[in-house]
């Protein structure tokens, strides 16, 4: 799904060669990491709202993102970087469940673009 990719990050769980080896996008596939790798899980939060049954849209969105965050921590991420292109969507999240590791939330597309530009 091209819409869920973060520029510079491989959508297949592998790191893109143009980003530092410390970032790995969290998605449905197992990231390919070495045992001693220290890495930061990158969780993109889409601008557009996903289609789901009425009344379950916000709940399923928040559950999906929190599940990705938990998955990254279980797989060994030392921190999480949330790229939130939609500020309203990020307010729906309860990140208190995953605060055992540092969680950085980058909001607005301008800030996300600047961050990615600095990393490339």
Protein backbone atom coordinates (compact mmCIF):
# COMPACT_ATOMS: atom_id res chain seq x y z
CA UNK A 1 0.00 0.00 0.00
CA UNK A 2 1.85 3.07 -1.24
CA UNK A 3 -0.29 5.42 0.89
CA UNK A 4 0.99 3.89 4.12
CA UNK A 5 4.68 4.27 3.31
CA UNK A 6 6.91 6.87 4.84
CA UNK A 7 9.34 8.38 2.29
CA UNK A 8 12.77 6.84 2.77
CA UNK A 9 11.53 3.83 4.73
CA UNK A 10 11.03 0.46 3.14
CA UNK A 11 7.43 -0.72 3.47
CA UNK A 12 8.49 -4.34 3.84
CA UNK A 13 9.93 -3.97 7.34
CA UNK A 14 13.49 -3.53 6.08
CA UNK A 15 15.40 -0.34 6.48
CA UNK A 16 15.89 1.85 3.48
CA UNK A 17 19.55 2.30 2.55
CA UNK A 18 19.11 6.09 2.54
CA UNK A 19 18.12 6.34 6.23
CA UNK A 20 20.30 5.63 9.24
CA UNK A 21 20.18 1.96 10.21
CA UNK A 22 18.57 2.96 13.45
CA UNK A 23 15.05 3.55 12.01
CA UNK A 24 12.61 0.84 10.97
CA UNK A 25 9.01 1.39 9.93
CA UNK A 26 6.55 -0.65 11.99
CA UNK A 27 4.06 -2.51 9.82
CA UNK A 28 2.55 -5.98 9.52
CA UNK A 29 5.76 -7.75 8.51
CA UNK A 30 8.65 -8.79 10.71
CA UNK A 31 11.50 -6.27 10.49
CA UNK A 32 14.85 -7.75 9.49
CA UNK A 33 17.15 -6.82 12.32
CA UNK A 34 20.41 -8.13 13.68
CA UNK A 35 20.32 -9.34 17.29
CA UNK A 36 22.52 -6.53 18.56
CA UNK A 37 20.80 -3.78 16.55
CA UNK A 38 19.50 -0.77 18.43
CA UNK A 39 16.62 0.70 16.49
CA UNK A 40 13.73 3.14 16.70
CA UNK A 41 10.29 2.07 15.53
CA UNK A 42 8.67 4.56 13.13
CA UNK A 43 4.86 4.55 13.16
CA UNK A 44 3.22 6.74 10.50
CA UNK A 45 -0.26 8.08 11.31
CA UNK A 46 -2.11 8.72 8.06
CA UNK A 47 -3.72 12.02 7.12
CA UNK A 48 -6.91 10.50 5.76
CA UNK A 49 -9.27 8.59 7.98
CA UNK A 50 -9.68 4.91 7.31
CA UNK A 51 -13.07 3.55 6.34
CA UNK A 52 -14.67 1.31 8.95
CA UNK A 53 -18.12 0.74 10.39
CA UNK A 54 -19.65 3.87 11.90
CA UNK A 55 -18.89 4.22 15.59
CA UNK A 56 -15.82 2.01 15.37
CA UNK A 57 -13.67 4.31 13.22
CA UNK A 58 -11.83 6.06 16.05
CA UNK A 59 -11.57 2.98 18.21
CA UNK A 60 -10.16 0.79 15.44
CA UNK A 61 -7.74 3.53 14.34
CA UNK A 62 -6.38 3.99 17.87
CA UNK A 63 -6.19 0.23 18.42
CA UNK A 64 -4.27 -0.29 15.19
CA UNK A 65 -1.69 2.40 15.97
CA UNK A 66 -1.25 1.32 19.59
CA UNK A 67 -0.90 -2.31 18.42
CA UNK A 68 1.88 -1.24 16.02
CA UNK A 69 3.58 0.63 18.86
CA UNK A 70 3.37 -2.39 21.17
CA UNK A 71 4.62 -4.67 18.39
CA UNK A 72 7.69 -2.50 17.87
CA UNK A 73 8.50 -2.63 21.57
CA UNK A 74 8.04 -6.41 21.71
CA UNK A 75 10.41 -6.75 18.74
CA UNK A 76 13.03 -4.75 20.61
CA UNK A 77 12.64 -1.10 19.61
CA UNK A 78 14.45 1.16 22.04
CA UNK A 79 12.08 4.06 21.29
CA UNK A 80 9.14 5.01 19.08
CA UNK A 81 8.83 7.86 16.61
CA UNK A 82 5.21 8.67 15.71
CA UNK A 83 4.86 10.65 12.46
CA UNK A 84 1.44 12.27 12.80
CA UNK A 85 0.27 14.05 9.67
CA UNK A 86 -3.16 14.59 11.23
CA UNK A 87 -3.18 16.24 14.68
CA UNK A 88 -6.78 15.26 15.32
CA UNK A 89 -5.96 11.58 14.85
CA UNK A 90 -3.05 11.63 17.29
CA UNK A 91 -5.28 13.09 20.05
CA UNK A 92 -7.31 9.86 19.93
CA UNK A 93 -4.35 7.75 21.01
CA UNK A 94 -3.65 6.58 24.53
CA UNK A 95 0.13 6.23 24.49
CA UNK A 96 0.29 5.72 28.26
CA UNK A 97 0.15 1.98 27.57
CA UNK A 98 3.56 2.05 25.86
CA UNK A 99 5.45 4.57 27.95
CA UNK A 100 8.02 2.03 29.14
CA UNK A 101 10.17 3.38 26.28
CA UNK A 102 10.54 6.93 24.95
CA UNK A 103 7.77 7.95 22.55
CA UNK A 104 8.31 11.00 20.33
CA UNK A 105 5.29 12.39 18.50
CA UNK A 106 6.03 14.62 15.51
CA UNK A 107 2.93 16.53 14.42
CA UNK A 108 2.03 18.43 11.24
CA UNK A 109 3.25 17.53 7.80
CA UNK A 110 5.78 20.38 7.78
CA UNK A 111 7.59 19.00 10.84
CA UNK A 112 7.44 15.42 9.52
CA UNK A 113 8.87 16.59 6.19
CA UNK A 114 11.66 18.54 7.94
CA UNK A 115 12.57 15.54 10.07
CA UNK A 116 12.71 13.18 7.10
CA UNK A 117 14.72 15.77 5.15
CA UNK A 118 17.24 15.99 7.98
CA UNK A 119 17.60 12.21 8.13
CA UNK A 120 18.12 11.72 4.40
